Amino acid sequence: MTPKEPKPVAMPTRQKTTTPPPDVQTKEPTAEFTPGVPRHVPYTPKLAPVNKSRLTFLRTVYYTSPDTDATSLESRYFRQIESNEQPYQRGRLIVGEEWMALDPGWITGEVSLLVIKNEEGQFTQSIPTDEMKKEAESKVIEMGVESESKVIPFGKICAGEDLPVAPIDLATLRIRSRSGKTRYRVSIYPA
């Protein structure tokens, strides 16, 4: 048996071309190609300038129980805001046991979103005792609406929690503490 000799293979010849070097793109601009830009430079589309303010809301609520499967509710939305006014945000506020109106700051008229956060129950300087935890748990803020000189409660904000609402009339909202004085923070976003 004699070994077979390989057949000669025709090698391609290099043709002289006038194409640009391989690292320069020559197609129309797309998300992958930009003319005259080396391929290793990522394409960054130019975004239109933001002409209006926007409120973005992200929240996920989970519920777990030993008897049932865990459930969750995701809430994600955004809304355009006509006003370019800054939101009104204040912390270190205190509410007592009497119903009181919220201070809207410079926000007038319709409100896009109001968030009240109960600042109690945050122990950053010490390890809380059981008594301190129990006292913090009693610091619940109630929220209500005043109608005909009577306040009708509609929500509660426990220690460390917050309550976002989109009120129809901010001037009628009232808050109070169920027990003593309670620290809170307020954020009001214009419409």
N, C-alpha and C. Protein backbone atom coordinates (compact mmCIF):
# COMPACT_ATOMS: atom_id res chain seq x y z
N MET A 1 0.82 -1.16 0.00
CA MET A 1 0.00 0.00 0.00
C MET A 1 0.87 1.24 0.00
N THR A 2 0.60 2.10 -0.88
CA THR A 2 1.41 3.30 -0.97
C THR A 2 0.61 4.49 -0.48
N PRO A 3 1.26 5.36 0.27
CA PRO A 3 0.53 6.53 0.77
C PRO A 3 0.11 7.43 -0.38
N LYS A 4 -1.08 8.00 -0.25
CA LYS A 4 -1.59 8.90 -1.28
C LYS A 4 -0.98 10.28 -1.07
N GLU A 5 -0.68 10.86 -2.15
CA GLU A 5 -0.13 12.21 -2.08
C GLU A 5 -1.28 13.20 -2.07
N PRO A 6 -1.19 14.23 -1.21
CA PRO A 6 -2.29 15.21 -1.17
C PRO A 6 -2.35 16.00 -2.46
N LYS A 7 -3.56 16.35 -2.85
CA LYS A 7 -3.76 17.16 -4.04
C LYS A 7 -3.41 18.60 -3.70
N PRO A 8 -2.82 19.30 -4.63
CA PRO A 8 -2.52 20.70 -4.37
C PRO A 8 -3.81 21.51 -4.22
N VAL A 9 -3.82 22.42 -3.26
CA VAL A 9 -4.98 23.28 -2.99
C VAL A 9 -4.66 24.68 -3.47
N ALA A 10 -5.62 25.27 -4.16
CA ALA A 10 -5.42 26.63 -4.65
C ALA A 10 -5.57 27.60 -3.50
N MET A 11 -4.59 28.39 -3.25
CA MET A 11 -4.61 29.39 -2.18
C MET A 11 -5.23 30.68 -2.72
N PRO A 12 -6.11 31.31 -1.92
CA PRO A 12 -6.68 32.57 -2.39
C PRO A 12 -5.60 33.64 -2.45
N THR A 13 -5.72 34.48 -3.43
CA THR A 13 -4.76 35.57 -3.58
C THR A 13 -5.36 36.82 -2.99
N ARG A 14 -4.51 37.65 -2.45
CA ARG A 14 -4.98 38.91 -1.86
C ARG A 14 -5.24 39.91 -2.96
N GLN A 15 -6.36 40.51 -2.88
CA GLN A 15 -6.71 41.53 -3.85
C GLN A 15 -6.53 42.88 -3.19
N LYS A 16 -6.07 43.81 -3.90
CA LYS A 16 -5.94 45.16 -3.37
C LYS A 16 -7.31 45.81 -3.42
N THR A 17 -7.75 46.31 -2.26
CA THR A 17 -9.05 46.97 -2.19
C THR A 17 -8.88 48.35 -1.58
N THR A 18 -9.91 49.13 -1.73
CA THR A 18 -9.89 50.48 -1.16
C THR A 18 -10.80 50.55 0.06
N THR A 19 -11.08 49.40 0.69
CA THR A 19 -11.95 49.41 1.87
C THR A 19 -11.16 49.92 3.07
N PRO A 20 -11.87 50.53 4.03
CA PRO A 20 -11.18 51.03 5.22
C PRO A 20 -10.67 49.87 6.06
N PRO A 21 -9.77 50.15 6.99
CA PRO A 21 -9.27 49.09 7.85
C PRO A 21 -10.41 48.38 8.57
N PRO A 22 -10.20 47.12 8.99
CA PRO A 22 -11.29 46.35 9.59
C PRO A 22 -11.81 46.91 10.90
N ASP A 23 -11.08 47.80 11.56
CA ASP A 23 -11.57 48.31 12.84
C ASP A 23 -12.42 49.56 12.68
N VAL A 24 -12.69 49.99 11.46
CA VAL A 24 -13.54 51.16 11.22
C VAL A 24 -14.83 50.69 10.57
N GLN A 25 -15.96 51.15 11.07
CA GLN A 25 -17.26 50.74 10.57
C GLN A 25 -17.69 51.67 9.45
N THR A 26 -18.34 51.06 8.44
CA THR A 26 -18.76 51.88 7.31
C THR A 26 -20.25 51.79 7.04
N LYS A 27 -21.02 51.08 7.87
CA LYS A 27 -22.47 50.96 7.68
C LYS A 27 -23.17 52.20 8.20
N GLU A 28 -24.48 52.23 7.98
CA GLU A 28 -25.30 53.30 8.52
C GLU A 28 -25.34 53.20 10.04
N PRO A 29 -25.54 54.31 10.77
CA PRO A 29 -25.58 54.24 12.23
C PRO A 29 -26.75 53.38 12.72
N THR A 30 -26.45 52.46 13.59
CA THR A 30 -27.45 51.65 14.28
C THR A 30 -26.98 51.48 15.71
N ALA A 31 -27.67 50.62 16.46
CA ALA A 31 -27.24 50.38 17.83
C ALA A 31 -25.89 49.69 17.87
N GLU A 32 -25.51 48.96 16.77
CA GLU A 32 -24.23 48.24 16.76
C GLU A 32 -23.13 48.98 16.01
N PHE A 33 -23.50 49.78 15.00
CA PHE A 33 -22.49 50.40 14.14
C PHE A 33 -22.63 51.90 14.07
N THR A 34 -21.52 52.58 14.16
CA THR A 34 -21.47 54.02 13.97
C THR A 34 -20.32 54.30 13.00
N PRO A 35 -20.59 54.99 11.87
CA PRO A 35 -19.52 55.21 10.88
C PRO A 35 -18.32 55.94 11.49
N GLY A 36 -17.15 55.45 11.12
CA GLY A 36 -15.93 56.12 11.51
C GLY A 36 -15.51 55.90 12.95
N VAL A 37 -16.22 55.06 13.69
CA VAL A 37 -15.89 54.82 15.09
C VAL A 37 -15.34 53.40 15.20
N PRO A 38 -14.20 53.23 15.83
CA PRO A 38 -13.65 51.87 15.98
C PRO A 38 -14.65 50.95 16.65
N ARG A 39 -14.63 49.66 16.27
CA ARG A 39 -15.62 48.69 16.75
C ARG A 39 -15.56 48.48 18.26
N HIS A 40 -14.44 48.68 18.86
CA HIS A 40 -14.34 48.43 20.30
C HIS A 40 -14.96 49.55 21.14
N VAL A 41 -15.38 50.66 20.51
CA VAL A 41 -16.03 51.75 21.23
C VAL A 41 -17.53 51.49 21.20
N PRO A 42 -18.17 51.32 22.37
CA PRO A 42 -19.62 51.03 22.37
C PRO A 42 -20.42 52.22 21.86
N TYR A 43 -21.51 51.89 21.19
CA TYR A 43 -22.40 52.92 20.67
C TYR A 43 -23.29 53.41 21.80
N THR A 44 -23.33 54.70 21.99
CA THR A 44 -24.19 55.31 22.99
C THR A 44 -25.17 56.23 22.28
N PRO A 45 -26.45 55.82 22.22
CA PRO A 45 -27.40 56.68 21.52
C PRO A 45 -27.60 57.98 22.27
N LYS A 46 -27.86 59.03 21.54
CA LYS A 46 -28.11 60.32 22.17
C LYS A 46 -29.57 60.36 22.59
N LEU A 47 -29.79 60.56 23.86
CA LEU A 47 -31.15 60.62 24.40
C LEU A 47 -31.68 62.04 24.29
N ALA A 48 -32.96 62.12 24.09
CA ALA A 48 -33.59 63.44 24.04
C ALA A 48 -33.51 64.07 25.42
N PRO A 49 -33.32 65.37 25.49
CA PRO A 49 -33.27 66.01 26.81
C PRO A 49 -34.61 65.87 27.53
N VAL A 50 -34.53 65.79 28.84
CA VAL A 50 -35.74 65.66 29.65
C VAL A 50 -36.39 67.03 29.74
N ASN A 51 -37.60 67.13 29.21
CA ASN A 51 -38.31 68.40 29.22
C ASN A 51 -39.28 68.52 30.38
N LYS A 52 -39.69 67.37 30.92
CA LYS A 52 -40.66 67.37 32.01
C LYS A 52 -40.13 66.54 33.16
N SER A 53 -40.59 66.88 34.34
CA SER A 53 -40.25 66.07 35.51
C SER A 53 -41.04 64.77 35.45
N ARG A 54 -40.52 63.76 36.13
CA ARG A 54 -41.19 62.46 36.13
C ARG A 54 -41.09 61.86 37.53
N LEU A 55 -42.17 61.24 37.96
CA LEU A 55 -42.21 60.55 39.24
C LEU A 55 -42.22 59.05 38.95
N THR A 56 -41.26 58.32 39.50
CA THR A 56 -41.17 56.87 39.32
C THR A 56 -41.41 56.21 40.67
N PHE A 57 -42.26 55.20 40.68
CA PHE A 57 -42.65 54.52 41.92
C PHE A 57 -42.36 53.03 41.76
N LEU A 58 -41.59 52.47 42.70
CA LEU A 58 -41.27 51.05 42.71
C LEU A 58 -41.53 50.51 44.11
N ARG A 59 -42.32 49.46 44.20
CA ARG A 59 -42.59 48.87 45.51
C ARG A 59 -42.97 47.41 45.31
N THR A 60 -42.46 46.54 46.20
CA THR A 60 -42.82 45.13 46.18
C THR A 60 -43.26 44.74 47.59
N VAL A 61 -44.42 44.10 47.67
CA VAL A 61 -44.95 43.63 48.94
C VAL A 61 -44.95 42.10 48.90
N TYR A 62 -44.35 41.49 49.92
CA TYR A 62 -44.31 40.03 50.03
C TYR A 62 -45.13 39.60 51.23
N TYR A 63 -45.82 38.47 51.09
CA TYR A 63 -46.56 37.89 52.20
C TYR A 63 -46.17 36.41 52.28
N THR A 64 -45.71 35.98 53.45
CA THR A 64 -45.37 34.57 53.64
C THR A 64 -46.15 34.04 54.83
N SER A 65 -46.51 32.76 54.73
CA SER A 65 -47.27 32.09 55.78
C SER A 65 -46.81 30.63 55.82
N PRO A 66 -46.78 30.01 57.00
CA PRO A 66 -46.37 28.61 57.05
C PRO A 66 -47.38 27.67 56.39
N ASP A 67 -48.62 28.14 56.21
CA ASP A 67 -49.67 27.28 55.66
C ASP A 67 -49.86 27.41 54.15
N THR A 68 -49.39 28.51 53.57
CA THR A 68 -49.62 28.74 52.14
C THR A 68 -48.32 29.16 51.46
N ASP A 69 -48.39 29.21 50.15
CA ASP A 69 -47.25 29.68 49.38
C ASP A 69 -47.09 31.18 49.56
N ALA A 70 -45.87 31.63 49.39
CA ALA A 70 -45.61 33.07 49.48
C ALA A 70 -46.26 33.78 48.29
N THR A 71 -46.73 34.98 48.54
CA THR A 71 -47.30 35.78 47.45
C THR A 71 -46.60 37.14 47.44
N SER A 72 -46.67 37.78 46.30
CA SER A 72 -46.07 39.11 46.21
C SER A 72 -46.90 39.98 45.28
N LEU A 73 -46.76 41.27 45.48
CA LEU A 73 -47.42 42.25 44.63
C LEU A 73 -46.38 43.28 44.26
N GLU A 74 -46.16 43.46 42.98
CA GLU A 74 -45.21 44.47 42.52
C GLU A 74 -45.99 45.65 41.98
N SER A 75 -45.53 46.83 42.33
CA SER A 75 -46.13 48.05 41.81
C SER A 75 -45.02 48.90 41.22
N ARG A 76 -45.08 49.10 39.92
CA ARG A 76 -44.09 49.91 39.22
C ARG A 76 -44.83 50.81 38.25
N TYR A 77 -44.62 52.06 38.38
CA TYR A 77 -45.21 52.98 37.41
C TYR A 77 -44.44 54.28 37.42
N PHE A 78 -44.67 55.07 36.40
CA PHE A 78 -44.15 56.43 36.40
C PHE A 78 -45.21 57.34 35.82
N ARG A 79 -45.13 58.58 36.19
CA ARG A 79 -46.08 59.54 35.62
C ARG A 79 -45.33 60.84 35.35
N GLN A 80 -45.70 61.45 34.24
CA GLN A 80 -45.13 62.75 33.89
C GLN A 80 -45.73 63.79 34.82
N ILE A 81 -44.90 64.74 35.22
CA ILE A 81 -45.36 65.80 36.10
C ILE A 81 -45.26 67.11 35.33
N GLU A 82 -46.35 67.84 35.31
CA GLU A 82 -46.39 69.09 34.55
C GLU A 82 -45.47 70.15 35.16
N SER A 83 -45.37 70.16 36.46
CA SER A 83 -44.58 71.17 37.16
C SER A 83 -43.11 70.76 37.24
N ASN A 84 -42.23 71.72 37.16
CA ASN A 84 -40.81 71.46 37.38
C ASN A 84 -40.39 71.91 38.78
N GLU A 85 -41.38 72.07 39.65
CA GLU A 85 -41.12 72.47 41.03
C GLU A 85 -40.38 71.37 41.78
N GLN A 86 -39.56 71.74 42.73
CA GLN A 86 -38.87 70.78 43.56
C GLN A 86 -39.86 70.13 44.52
N PRO A 87 -39.68 68.85 44.86
CA PRO A 87 -40.55 68.24 45.87
C PRO A 87 -40.28 68.86 47.24
N TYR A 88 -41.28 68.83 48.08
CA TYR A 88 -41.16 69.34 49.44
C TYR A 88 -40.84 68.15 50.33
N GLN A 89 -39.68 68.15 50.96
CA GLN A 89 -39.28 67.05 51.83
C GLN A 89 -38.77 67.61 53.14
N ARG A 90 -39.34 67.13 54.22
CA ARG A 90 -38.93 67.56 55.56
C ARG A 90 -38.87 66.36 56.49
N GLY A 91 -37.83 66.35 57.30
CA GLY A 91 -37.67 65.29 58.29
C GLY A 91 -37.62 65.90 59.68
N ARG A 92 -37.47 65.05 60.67
CA ARG A 92 -37.40 65.47 62.07
C ARG A 92 -38.64 66.25 62.50
N LEU A 93 -39.78 65.87 61.97
CA LEU A 93 -41.03 66.50 62.37
C LEU A 93 -41.65 65.68 63.50
N ILE A 94 -42.49 66.31 64.29
CA ILE A 94 -43.12 65.63 65.42
C ILE A 94 -44.62 65.90 65.40
N VAL A 95 -45.39 64.83 65.61
CA VAL A 95 -46.84 64.95 65.70
C VAL A 95 -47.27 64.45 67.07
N GLY A 96 -48.26 65.14 67.65
CA GLY A 96 -48.80 64.75 68.96
C GLY A 96 -50.11 63.99 68.81
N GLU A 97 -50.84 63.90 69.92
CA GLU A 97 -52.06 63.12 69.93
C GLU A 97 -53.27 63.86 69.37
N GLU A 98 -53.13 65.15 69.10
CA GLU A 98 -54.23 65.93 68.52
C GLU A 98 -54.09 65.93 67.00
N TRP A 99 -55.25 65.91 66.30
CA TRP A 99 -55.23 65.97 64.84
C TRP A 99 -54.60 67.29 64.40
N MET A 100 -53.71 67.23 63.42
CA MET A 100 -53.09 68.44 62.89
C MET A 100 -52.98 68.35 61.36
N ALA A 101 -53.01 69.52 60.73
CA ALA A 101 -52.87 69.59 59.27
C ALA A 101 -51.40 69.40 58.88
N LEU A 102 -51.18 68.91 57.69
CA LEU A 102 -49.82 68.78 57.16
C LEU A 102 -49.36 70.12 56.62
N ASP A 103 -48.10 70.41 56.80
CA ASP A 103 -47.51 71.62 56.21
C ASP A 103 -47.07 71.28 54.79
N PRO A 104 -47.72 71.84 53.76
CA PRO A 104 -47.35 71.49 52.38
C PRO A 104 -46.15 72.27 51.85
N GLY A 105 -45.57 73.12 52.67
CA GLY A 105 -44.42 73.91 52.19
C GLY A 105 -44.84 74.82 51.06
N TRP A 106 -44.07 74.80 49.98
CA TRP A 106 -44.36 75.68 48.84
C TRP A 106 -45.25 75.00 47.80
N ILE A 107 -45.64 73.75 48.04
CA ILE A 107 -46.50 73.04 47.09
C ILE A 107 -47.93 73.54 47.25
N THR A 108 -48.50 74.01 46.16
CA THR A 108 -49.89 74.47 46.18
C THR A 108 -50.67 73.73 45.10
N GLY A 109 -51.95 73.63 45.29
CA GLY A 109 -52.79 72.96 44.29
C GLY A 109 -52.70 71.46 44.39
N GLU A 110 -52.82 70.82 43.23
CA GLU A 110 -52.85 69.36 43.16
C GLU A 110 -51.48 68.76 43.48
N VAL A 111 -51.51 67.59 44.09
CA VAL A 111 -50.28 66.90 44.49
C VAL A 111 -50.22 65.56 43.77
N SER A 112 -49.06 65.20 43.26
CA SER A 112 -48.88 63.94 42.56
C SER A 112 -48.78 62.77 43.54
N LEU A 113 -48.01 62.94 44.61
CA LEU A 113 -47.84 61.88 45.59
C LEU A 113 -47.41 62.48 46.92
N LEU A 114 -47.95 61.92 48.00
CA LEU A 114 -47.58 62.30 49.36
C LEU A 114 -47.11 61.04 50.06
N VAL A 115 -45.94 61.08 50.70
CA VAL A 115 -45.43 59.94 51.45
C VAL A 115 -45.12 60.41 52.86
N ILE A 116 -45.72 59.74 53.85
CA ILE A 116 -45.42 60.02 55.25
C ILE A 116 -44.73 58.79 55.81
N LYS A 117 -43.57 58.98 56.42
CA LYS A 117 -42.79 57.88 56.99
C LYS A 117 -42.69 58.06 58.50
N ASN A 118 -43.06 57.03 59.23
CA ASN A 118 -42.94 57.02 60.68
C ASN A 118 -41.49 56.71 61.02
N GLU A 119 -40.80 57.63 61.66
CA GLU A 119 -39.36 57.50 61.93
C GLU A 119 -39.06 56.79 63.25
N GLU A 120 -40.07 56.34 63.96
CA GLU A 120 -39.84 55.66 65.23
C GLU A 120 -39.34 54.24 64.97
N GLY A 121 -38.70 53.66 65.98
CA GLY A 121 -38.23 52.28 65.87
C GLY A 121 -36.88 52.13 65.20
N GLN A 122 -36.17 53.21 64.97
CA GLN A 122 -34.84 53.14 64.38
C GLN A 122 -33.82 53.37 65.48
N PHE A 123 -33.24 52.31 65.93
CA PHE A 123 -32.28 52.38 67.05
C PHE A 123 -30.87 52.29 66.48
N THR A 124 -30.27 53.43 66.20
CA THR A 124 -28.95 53.44 65.59
C THR A 124 -27.82 53.59 66.61
N GLN A 125 -28.11 54.09 67.78
CA GLN A 125 -27.06 54.36 68.76
C GLN A 125 -26.92 53.29 69.84
N SER A 126 -27.91 52.42 69.97
CA SER A 126 -27.85 51.43 71.05
C SER A 126 -28.64 50.19 70.66
N ILE A 127 -28.42 49.13 71.42
CA ILE A 127 -29.21 47.92 71.25
C ILE A 127 -30.47 48.12 72.10
N PRO A 128 -31.65 48.08 71.45
CA PRO A 128 -32.88 48.39 72.20
C PRO A 128 -33.27 47.29 73.19
N THR A 129 -33.78 47.74 74.32
CA THR A 129 -34.33 46.80 75.30
C THR A 129 -35.75 46.44 74.86
N ASP A 130 -36.33 45.46 75.51
CA ASP A 130 -37.71 45.07 75.19
C ASP A 130 -38.67 46.22 75.46
N GLU A 131 -38.39 46.98 76.50
CA GLU A 131 -39.23 48.14 76.83
C GLU A 131 -39.16 49.20 75.73
N MET A 132 -37.95 49.44 75.21
CA MET A 132 -37.79 50.42 74.12
C MET A 132 -38.51 49.96 72.86
N LYS A 133 -38.44 48.67 72.55
CA LYS A 133 -39.13 48.13 71.37
C LYS A 133 -40.64 48.27 71.51
N LYS A 134 -41.15 47.96 72.73
CA LYS A 134 -42.59 48.06 72.98
C LYS A 134 -43.07 49.50 72.84
N GLU A 135 -42.28 50.45 73.37
CA GLU A 135 -42.65 51.86 73.26
C GLU A 135 -42.66 52.30 71.80
N ALA A 136 -41.66 51.87 71.02
CA ALA A 136 -41.61 52.23 69.60
C ALA A 136 -42.80 51.67 68.85
N GLU A 137 -43.21 50.44 69.17
CA GLU A 137 -44.36 49.82 68.51
C GLU A 137 -45.65 50.56 68.80
N SER A 138 -45.72 51.26 69.93
CA SER A 138 -46.93 52.02 70.26
C SER A 138 -47.00 53.35 69.52
N LYS A 139 -45.93 53.75 68.87
CA LYS A 139 -45.87 55.04 68.16
C LYS A 139 -46.44 54.87 66.75
N VAL A 140 -47.76 54.85 66.68
CA VAL A 140 -48.47 54.68 65.41
C VAL A 140 -49.05 56.03 65.01
N ILE A 141 -48.87 56.39 63.74
CA ILE A 141 -49.45 57.63 63.22
C ILE A 141 -50.73 57.28 62.48
N GLU A 142 -51.79 58.01 62.78
CA GLU A 142 -53.05 57.84 62.07
C GLU A 142 -53.20 58.97 61.06
N MET A 143 -53.80 58.64 59.93
CA MET A 143 -54.05 59.64 58.89
C MET A 143 -55.55 59.71 58.65
N GLY A 144 -56.07 60.91 58.48
CA GLY A 144 -57.50 61.07 58.27
C GLY A 144 -57.81 62.25 57.37
N VAL A 145 -59.08 62.39 57.06
CA VAL A 145 -59.58 63.49 56.22
C VAL A 145 -60.59 64.27 57.03
N GLU A 146 -60.43 65.60 57.02
CA GLU A 146 -61.37 66.45 57.74
C GLU A 146 -62.56 66.76 56.84
N SER A 147 -63.75 66.53 57.38
CA SER A 147 -64.97 66.81 56.65
C SER A 147 -66.00 67.34 57.64
N GLU A 148 -66.46 68.55 57.41
CA GLU A 148 -67.46 69.19 58.27
C GLU A 148 -66.98 69.22 59.72
N SER A 149 -65.80 69.69 59.95
CA SER A 149 -65.14 69.85 61.25
C SER A 149 -65.03 68.53 62.04
N LYS A 150 -65.03 67.41 61.31
CA LYS A 150 -64.84 66.09 61.92
C LYS A 150 -63.77 65.36 61.11
N VAL A 151 -62.84 64.68 61.80
CA VAL A 151 -61.78 63.95 61.10
C VAL A 151 -62.16 62.47 61.01
N ILE A 152 -62.12 61.94 59.80
CA ILE A 152 -62.44 60.54 59.54
C ILE A 152 -61.13 59.81 59.24
N PRO A 153 -60.67 58.95 60.18
CA PRO A 153 -59.40 58.23 59.95
C PRO A 153 -59.53 57.22 58.81
N PHE A 154 -58.47 57.08 58.01
CA PHE A 154 -58.50 56.09 56.93
C PHE A 154 -57.23 55.25 56.85
N GLY A 155 -56.20 55.57 57.60
CA GLY A 155 -54.97 54.79 57.49
C GLY A 155 -54.10 54.92 58.73
N LYS A 156 -53.19 53.96 58.89
CA LYS A 156 -52.24 54.03 59.99
C LYS A 156 -50.85 53.76 59.45
N ILE A 157 -49.85 54.33 60.13
CA ILE A 157 -48.45 54.16 59.75
C ILE A 157 -47.71 53.68 60.99
N CYS A 158 -47.34 52.41 61.00
CA CYS A 158 -46.64 51.82 62.14
C CYS A 158 -45.18 52.27 62.15
N ALA A 159 -44.51 52.04 63.27
CA ALA A 159 -43.10 52.45 63.42
C ALA A 159 -42.25 51.85 62.32
N GLY A 160 -41.45 52.71 61.68
CA GLY A 160 -40.55 52.28 60.61
C GLY A 160 -41.20 52.12 59.26
N GLU A 161 -42.51 52.30 59.16
CA GLU A 161 -43.21 52.13 57.90
C GLU A 161 -43.56 53.47 57.29
N ASP A 162 -44.05 53.42 56.03
CA ASP A 162 -44.49 54.64 55.36
C ASP A 162 -45.82 54.38 54.67
N LEU A 163 -46.48 55.46 54.28
CA LEU A 163 -47.76 55.36 53.59
C LEU A 163 -47.77 56.34 52.43
N PRO A 164 -47.74 55.83 51.19
CA PRO A 164 -47.87 56.73 50.04
C PRO A 164 -49.34 56.88 49.64
N VAL A 165 -49.76 58.10 49.38
CA VAL A 165 -51.12 58.37 48.91
C VAL A 165 -51.07 59.47 47.87
N ALA A 166 -52.06 59.47 47.00
CA ALA A 166 -52.21 60.54 46.02
C ALA A 166 -53.49 61.30 46.41
N PRO A 167 -53.36 62.29 47.29
CA PRO A 167 -54.56 62.96 47.82
C PRO A 167 -55.24 63.84 46.78
N ILE A 168 -56.55 63.91 46.91
CA ILE A 168 -57.31 64.80 46.04
C ILE A 168 -57.19 66.22 46.53
N ASP A 169 -57.28 66.40 47.86
CA ASP A 169 -57.17 67.73 48.45
C ASP A 169 -56.25 67.65 49.66
N LEU A 170 -55.03 68.12 49.51
CA LEU A 170 -54.03 68.06 50.57
C LEU A 170 -54.45 68.86 51.80
N ALA A 171 -55.24 69.91 51.60
CA ALA A 171 -55.65 70.77 52.71
C ALA A 171 -56.57 70.06 53.70
N THR A 172 -57.22 68.98 53.29
CA THR A 172 -58.14 68.28 54.20
C THR A 172 -57.47 67.14 54.96
N LEU A 173 -56.23 66.80 54.63
CA LEU A 173 -55.55 65.69 55.32
C LEU A 173 -55.12 66.10 56.71
N ARG A 174 -55.24 65.17 57.65
CA ARG A 174 -54.83 65.38 59.04
C ARG A 174 -54.07 64.16 59.52
N ILE A 175 -53.14 64.37 60.46
CA ILE A 175 -52.42 63.27 61.07
C ILE A 175 -52.38 63.46 62.59
N ARG A 176 -52.17 62.35 63.31
CA ARG A 176 -51.99 62.40 64.75
C ARG A 176 -51.27 61.14 65.20
N SER A 177 -50.76 61.18 66.43
CA SER A 177 -50.10 60.02 67.02
C SER A 177 -51.07 59.34 67.97
N ARG A 178 -51.06 58.03 67.98
CA ARG A 178 -51.93 57.31 68.92
C ARG A 178 -51.40 57.38 70.35
N SER A 179 -50.08 57.57 70.49
CA SER A 179 -49.48 57.53 71.82
C SER A 179 -48.34 58.53 71.92
N GLY A 180 -48.56 59.60 72.67
CA GLY A 180 -47.49 60.59 72.89
C GLY A 180 -47.07 61.30 71.62
N LYS A 181 -45.79 61.64 71.55
CA LYS A 181 -45.25 62.34 70.39
C LYS A 181 -44.49 61.34 69.51
N THR A 182 -44.66 61.48 68.20
CA THR A 182 -44.05 60.55 67.24
C THR A 182 -43.29 61.34 66.18
N ARG A 183 -42.08 60.88 65.89
CA ARG A 183 -41.26 61.51 64.85
C ARG A 183 -41.69 60.98 63.48
N TYR A 184 -41.72 61.89 62.48
CA TYR A 184 -42.06 61.46 61.14
C TYR A 184 -41.35 62.32 60.12
N ARG A 185 -41.42 61.86 58.87
CA ARG A 185 -40.84 62.57 57.72
C ARG A 185 -41.94 62.67 56.67
N VAL A 186 -41.95 63.76 55.93
CA VAL A 186 -42.96 63.95 54.88
C VAL A 186 -42.27 64.31 53.57
N SER A 187 -42.78 63.74 52.48
CA SER A 187 -42.34 64.09 51.13
C SER A 187 -43.58 64.36 50.30
N ILE A 188 -43.63 65.52 49.67
CA ILE A 188 -44.77 65.90 48.84
C ILE A 188 -44.24 66.22 47.44
N TYR A 189 -44.76 65.51 46.44
CA TYR A 189 -44.31 65.68 45.05
C TYR A 189 -45.38 66.42 44.26
N PRO A 190 -44.99 67.47 43.54
CA PRO A 190 -45.98 68.27 42.81
C PRO A 190 -46.59 67.49 41.64
N ALA A 191 -47.73 67.96 41.18
CA ALA A 191 -48.41 67.32 40.05
C ALA A 191 -47.96 67.95 38.74
